[in-house]
Amino acid sequence: MAEEKYPINIWVNEERYEKLESAGLADMCEEMLAGMKVIRVYANDAQKDKILAVFPTAKFDSATTKSIELLPKDVKDKIFDKAVEKKSVDILDDFLSAY
């Protein structure tokens, strides 16, 4: 059985889109509401559990989207910056090593 993956949705504005383009990640953006774009960083079970333990405001939507929600803005900013820096969305182990 494949390991479950849980998305963290990070909204992408024009400035962020330009950063994603320069990192070669712009094609990973998905259209969401009214033309707004989102990039998804996926967590595995262990990463999800650590995120929920480290960030008390975070919630896991087990009912519908199976996504990790309500992370503080600065945390999502750091995840976004790490993805651009590493030119990959597979960065949560690296990101979480600081916590």
Protein backbone atom coordinates (compact mmCIF):
# COMPACT_ATOMS: atom_id res chain seq x y z
CA MET A 1 0.00 0.00 0.00
CA ALA A 2 1.33 3.43 -0.90
CA GLU A 3 2.11 5.80 1.92
CA GLU A 4 -0.51 8.48 2.46
CA LYS A 5 0.45 12.05 1.59
CA TYR A 6 -1.20 15.07 3.19
CA PRO A 7 -1.07 18.43 1.41
CA ILE A 8 -0.18 21.77 2.92
CA ASN A 9 -1.72 24.35 0.57
CA ILE A 10 0.31 27.51 0.10
CA TRP A 11 -1.36 30.34 -1.78
CA VAL A 12 0.70 31.83 -4.58
CA ASN A 13 0.50 35.51 -5.52
CA GLU A 14 2.33 37.14 -8.46
CA GLU A 15 5.51 37.74 -6.45
CA ARG A 16 5.60 34.14 -5.26
CA TYR A 17 4.81 32.88 -8.76
CA GLU A 18 7.89 34.69 -10.08
CA LYS A 19 10.01 33.02 -7.39
CA LEU A 20 8.55 29.64 -8.33
CA GLU A 21 9.28 30.30 -12.00
CA SER A 22 12.92 31.09 -11.25
CA ALA A 23 13.15 27.87 -9.19
CA GLY A 24 11.54 25.81 -11.97
CA LEU A 25 8.49 25.00 -9.83
CA ALA A 26 5.81 27.17 -11.49
CA ASP A 27 4.33 24.16 -13.29
CA MET A 28 3.45 22.68 -9.88
CA CYS A 29 0.94 25.47 -9.18
CA GLU A 30 -2.70 24.52 -9.39
CA GLU A 31 -5.59 26.87 -10.13
CA MET A 32 -7.99 27.15 -7.22
CA LEU A 33 -10.56 29.80 -6.43
CA ALA A 34 -11.22 32.57 -8.98
CA GLY A 35 -7.87 32.17 -10.69
CA MET A 36 -5.89 32.06 -7.45
CA LYS A 37 -3.03 29.59 -7.50
CA VAL A 38 -1.80 27.19 -4.86
CA ILE A 39 1.27 25.02 -4.54
CA ARG A 40 1.07 21.90 -2.44
CA VAL A 41 3.81 20.58 -0.20
CA TYR A 42 3.02 17.04 0.92
CA ALA A 43 3.66 15.54 4.35
CA ASN A 44 3.84 11.85 5.18
CA ASP A 45 2.37 10.40 8.38
CA ALA A 46 5.44 11.10 10.55
CA GLN A 47 5.81 14.66 9.19
CA LYS A 48 2.09 15.33 9.70
CA ASP A 49 2.29 14.16 13.31
CA LYS A 50 5.35 16.33 13.98
CA ILE A 51 3.72 19.40 12.41
CA LEU A 52 0.61 18.92 14.53
CA ALA A 53 2.77 18.52 17.67
CA VAL A 54 5.07 21.49 16.98
CA PHE A 55 2.44 23.98 15.77
CA PRO A 56 -0.55 23.94 18.15
CA THR A 57 -2.79 25.97 15.81
CA ALA A 58 -2.41 23.41 13.01
CA LYS A 59 -5.30 21.06 12.34
CA PHE A 60 -5.65 17.99 10.17
CA ASP A 61 -8.81 17.88 8.04
CA SER A 62 -9.51 14.16 8.23
CA ALA A 63 -13.10 14.54 7.04
CA THR A 64 -12.75 16.06 3.58
CA THR A 65 -9.46 17.28 2.11
CA LYS A 66 -7.01 15.20 4.20
CA SER A 67 -4.90 18.37 4.33
CA ILE A 68 -2.98 20.14 7.06
CA GLU A 69 -4.66 23.47 7.78
CA LEU A 70 -4.29 26.56 9.98
CA LEU A 71 -0.52 26.74 10.03
CA PRO A 72 0.70 30.21 11.03
CA LYS A 73 1.49 32.48 8.07
CA ASP A 74 5.18 32.74 8.99
CA VAL A 75 5.44 28.94 9.00
CA LYS A 76 3.89 28.68 5.54
CA ASP A 77 6.24 31.46 4.39
CA LYS A 78 9.22 29.45 5.64
CA ILE A 79 7.95 26.28 3.92
CA PHE A 80 7.51 28.26 0.68
CA ASP A 81 11.00 29.79 0.97
CA LYS A 82 12.55 26.35 1.62
CA ALA A 83 10.81 24.94 -1.49
CA VAL A 84 12.20 27.78 -3.61
CA GLU A 85 15.66 27.42 -2.08
CA LYS A 86 15.75 23.64 -2.68
CA LYS A 87 13.87 23.88 -6.02
CA SER A 88 11.61 21.08 -4.76
CA VAL A 89 8.40 20.55 -2.81
CA ASP A 90 9.94 17.54 -1.06
CA ILE A 91 11.40 19.66 1.74
CA LEU A 92 9.50 18.88 4.94
CA ASP A 93 12.21 16.70 6.51
CA ASP A 94 14.66 19.53 5.93
CA PHE A 95 12.18 22.14 7.21
CA LEU A 96 11.20 20.13 10.30
CA SER A 97 14.81 19.44 11.28
CA ALA A 98 14.86 22.98 12.72
CA TYR A 99 12.11 22.07 15.22
